[in-house]
Amino acid sequence: MKKQQKQDRTAERGRFSAKRKKEAVLRLLKGEELDALSRELGVTASVLSEWREKFLAGAEANLKSREPEPADDEVRRLKAMVGELMMKNELLAEKAQLLESNAPGFPWRKSRG
């Protein structure tokens, strides 16, 4: 297929899938010229550069990740429990406030000056 036809097809499609972006970035990383690839794909050089930077940042982030440890599950469970207890505590505080405002006989009710 001729280069111009390929370029026209790309322009008609508009958006690039993640797979196509990855393929373009890999071509750049293998040494293809940015300007030539830009013309072939019908995408600006700045867009290709942005894809490359995002690709490399994602790769770096994935290399930094560590394997989950058994303690991680316990930490997640405990954080969920703390969150649940905080919500219950807030609901109880609201309920107590409503009860206090509706029942003047409670000894701990704040006096209204």
C-alpha atoms as a PDB file:
ATOM      1  CA  MET A   1       0.000   0.000   0.000  1.00  0.00           C
ATOM      2  CA  LYS A   2       1.308   3.440  -0.802  1.00  0.00           C
ATOM      3  CA  LYS A   3       2.352   5.756   1.981  1.00  0.00           C
ATOM      4  CA  GLN A   4      -0.248   8.415   1.079  1.00  0.00           C
ATOM      5  CA  GLN A   5      -3.086   5.870   1.142  1.00  0.00           C
ATOM      6  CA  LYS A   6      -1.933   4.640   4.530  1.00  0.00           C
ATOM      7  CA  GLN A   7      -1.788   8.220   5.797  1.00  0.00           C
ATOM      8  CA  ASP A   8      -5.299   8.915   4.509  1.00  0.00           C
ATOM      9  CA  ARG A   9      -6.640   5.792   6.242  1.00  0.00           C
ATOM     10  CA  THR A  10      -5.025   6.861   9.511  1.00  0.00           C
ATOM     11  CA  ALA A  11      -6.487  10.352   9.270  1.00  0.00           C
ATOM     12  CA  GLU A  12      -9.942   8.901   8.585  1.00  0.00           C
ATOM     13  CA  ARG A  13      -9.797   6.737  11.697  1.00  0.00           C
ATOM     14  CA  GLY A  14      -8.960   9.690  13.920  1.00  0.00           C
ATOM     15  CA  ARG A  15      -8.127   8.304  17.334  1.00  0.00           C
ATOM     16  CA  PHE A  16      -5.383   5.809  17.981  1.00  0.00           C
ATOM     17  CA  SER A  17      -5.919   2.749  20.162  1.00  0.00           C
ATOM     18  CA  ALA A  18      -3.521   2.096  23.016  1.00  0.00           C
ATOM     19  CA  LYS A  19      -2.040  -0.743  20.963  1.00  0.00           C
ATOM     20  CA  ARG A  20      -1.339   1.526  17.990  1.00  0.00           C
ATOM     21  CA  LYS A  21       0.178   4.171  20.250  1.00  0.00           C
ATOM     22  CA  LYS A  22       2.420   1.536  21.825  1.00  0.00           C
ATOM     23  CA  GLU A  23       3.530   0.332  18.395  1.00  0.00           C
ATOM     24  CA  ALA A  24       4.362   3.911  17.356  1.00  0.00           C
ATOM     25  CA  VAL A  25       6.335   4.516  20.567  1.00  0.00           C
ATOM     26  CA  LEU A  26       8.251   1.259  20.165  1.00  0.00           C
ATOM     27  CA  ARG A  27       9.200   2.327  16.654  1.00  0.00           C
ATOM     28  CA  LEU A  28      10.563   5.583  18.079  1.00  0.00           C
ATOM     29  CA  LEU A  29      12.486   3.736  20.771  1.00  0.00           C
ATOM     30  CA  LYS A  30      14.000   1.463  18.130  1.00  0.00           C
ATOM     31  CA  GLY A  31      15.418   4.522  16.415  1.00  0.00           C
ATOM     32  CA  GLU A  32      12.943   5.633  13.761  1.00  0.00           C
ATOM     33  CA  GLU A  33      13.006   9.359  13.079  1.00  0.00           C
ATOM     34  CA  LEU A  34      10.313  11.319  14.899  1.00  0.00           C
ATOM     35  CA  ASP A  35       9.492  13.551  11.922  1.00  0.00           C
ATOM     36  CA  ALA A  36       9.250  10.666   9.453  1.00  0.00           C
ATOM     37  CA  LEU A  37       6.987   8.646  11.754  1.00  0.00           C
ATOM     38  CA  SER A  38       4.911  11.739  12.432  1.00  0.00           C
ATOM     39  CA  ARG A  39       4.293  12.256   8.716  1.00  0.00           C
ATOM     40  CA  GLU A  40       3.560   8.576   8.122  1.00  0.00           C
ATOM     41  CA  LEU A  41       1.013   8.334  10.928  1.00  0.00           C
ATOM     42  CA  GLY A  42      -0.476  11.783  10.398  1.00  0.00           C
ATOM     43  CA  VAL A  43       0.181  12.807  13.992  1.00  0.00           C
ATOM     44  CA  THR A  44       2.189  15.800  15.161  1.00  0.00           C
ATOM     45  CA  ALA A  45       5.672  15.238  16.517  1.00  0.00           C
ATOM     46  CA  SER A  46       4.599  16.731  19.852  1.00  0.00           C
ATOM     47  CA  VAL A  47       1.821  14.137  20.188  1.00  0.00           C
ATOM     48  CA  LEU A  48       4.257  11.323  19.440  1.00  0.00           C
ATOM     49  CA  SER A  49       6.684  12.752  21.988  1.00  0.00           C
ATOM     50  CA  GLU A  50       3.894  12.918  24.569  1.00  0.00           C
ATOM     51  CA  TRP A  51       2.992   9.271  23.928  1.00  0.00           C
ATOM     52  CA  ARG A  52       6.633   8.304  24.355  1.00  0.00           C
ATOM     53  CA  GLU A  53       6.933  10.201  27.662  1.00  0.00           C
ATOM     54  CA  LYS A  54       3.733   8.643  29.030  1.00  0.00           C
ATOM     55  CA  PHE A  55       4.868   5.207  27.894  1.00  0.00           C
ATOM     56  CA  LEU A  56       8.234   5.566  29.626  1.00  0.00           C
ATOM     57  CA  ALA A  57       6.659   7.002  32.796  1.00  0.00           C
ATOM     58  CA  GLY A  58       4.252   4.059  32.953  1.00  0.00           C
ATOM     59  CA  ALA A  59       7.058   1.601  32.438  1.00  0.00           C
ATOM     60  CA  GLU A  60       9.090   3.213  35.209  1.00  0.00           C
ATOM     61  CA  ALA A  61       6.131   3.168  37.589  1.00  0.00           C
ATOM     62  CA  ASN A  62       5.558  -0.517  36.902  1.00  0.00           C
ATOM     63  CA  LEU A  63       9.195  -1.326  37.556  1.00  0.00           C
ATOM     64  CA  LYS A  64       8.981   0.375  40.950  1.00  0.00           C
ATOM     65  CA  SER A  65       6.051  -1.700  42.136  1.00  0.00           C
ATOM     66  CA  ARG A  66       6.687  -4.438  44.619  1.00  0.00           C
ATOM     67  CA  GLU A  67       5.077  -7.789  45.143  1.00  0.00           C
ATOM     68  CA  PRO A  68       2.189  -7.753  47.623  1.00  0.00           C
ATOM     69  CA  GLU A  69       3.076  -9.083  51.031  1.00  0.00           C
ATOM     70  CA  PRO A  70       0.796 -11.004  53.404  1.00  0.00           C
ATOM     71  CA  ALA A  71       0.682  -7.957  55.702  1.00  0.00           C
ATOM     72  CA  ASP A  72      -0.824  -5.870  52.873  1.00  0.00           C
ATOM     73  CA  ASP A  73      -4.105  -7.789  53.099  1.00  0.00           C
ATOM     74  CA  GLU A  74      -4.247  -7.180  56.843  1.00  0.00           C
ATOM     75  CA  VAL A  75      -3.527  -3.468  56.381  1.00  0.00           C
ATOM     76  CA  ARG A  76      -6.324  -3.199  53.782  1.00  0.00           C
ATOM     77  CA  ARG A  77      -8.734  -5.030  56.082  1.00  0.00           C
ATOM     78  CA  LEU A  78      -7.873  -2.810  59.042  1.00  0.00           C
ATOM     79  CA  LYS A  79      -8.181   0.385  56.980  1.00  0.00           C
ATOM     80  CA  ALA A  80     -11.630  -0.714  55.834  1.00  0.00           C
ATOM     81  CA  MET A  81     -12.579  -1.431  59.451  1.00  0.00           C
ATOM     82  CA  VAL A  82     -11.362   2.000  60.596  1.00  0.00           C
ATOM     83  CA  GLY A  83     -13.369   3.659  57.815  1.00  0.00           C
ATOM     84  CA  GLU A  84     -16.480   1.726  58.774  1.00  0.00           C
ATOM     85  CA  LEU A  85     -16.063   2.612  62.453  1.00  0.00           C
ATOM     86  CA  MET A  86     -15.581   6.299  61.595  1.00  0.00           C
ATOM     87  CA  MET A  87     -18.819   6.305  59.591  1.00  0.00           C
ATOM     88  CA  LYS A  88     -20.703   4.601  62.437  1.00  0.00           C
ATOM     89  CA  ASN A  89     -19.251   7.086  64.911  1.00  0.00           C
ATOM     90  CA  GLU A  90     -20.367  10.045  62.776  1.00  0.00           C
ATOM     91  CA  LEU A  91     -23.868   8.584  62.428  1.00  0.00           C
ATOM     92  CA  LEU A  92     -24.119   8.023  66.179  1.00  0.00           C
ATOM     93  CA  ALA A  93     -22.955  11.576  66.869  1.00  0.00           C
ATOM     94  CA  GLU A  94     -25.639  12.930  64.499  1.00  0.00           C
ATOM     95  CA  LYS A  95     -28.268  10.713  66.142  1.00  0.00           C
ATOM     96  CA  ALA A  96     -27.234  11.879  69.620  1.00  0.00           C
ATOM     97  CA  GLN A  97     -27.396  15.487  68.486  1.00  0.00           C
ATOM     98  CA  LEU A  98     -30.922  14.961  67.123  1.00  0.00           C
ATOM     99  CA  LEU A  99     -32.029  13.252  70.332  1.00  0.00           C
ATOM    100  CA  GLU A 100     -30.581  16.047  72.450  1.00  0.00           C
ATOM    101  CA  SER A 101     -32.306  18.742  70.433  1.00  0.00           C
ATOM    102  CA  ASN A 102     -35.681  16.947  70.603  1.00  0.00           C
ATOM    103  CA  ALA A 103     -35.648  15.876  74.276  1.00  0.00           C
ATOM    104  CA  PRO A 104     -35.142  18.758  76.743  1.00  0.00           C
ATOM    105  CA  GLY A 105     -34.846  16.389  79.718  1.00  0.00           C
ATOM    106  CA  PHE A 106     -31.386  15.068  78.850  1.00  0.00           C
ATOM    107  CA  PRO A 107     -28.928  16.212  81.553  1.00  0.00           C
ATOM    108  CA  TRP A 108     -26.039  16.626  79.108  1.00  0.00           C
ATOM    109  CA  ARG A 109     -28.040  18.902  76.825  1.00  0.00           C
ATOM    110  CA  LYS A 110     -26.341  22.237  76.325  1.00  0.00           C
ATOM    111  CA  SER A 111     -28.332  25.163  77.598  1.00  0.00           C
ATOM    112  CA  ARG A 112     -29.472  27.672  75.075  1.00  0.00           C
ATOM    113  CA  GLY A 113     -28.303  31.024  76.320  1.00  0.00           C
END
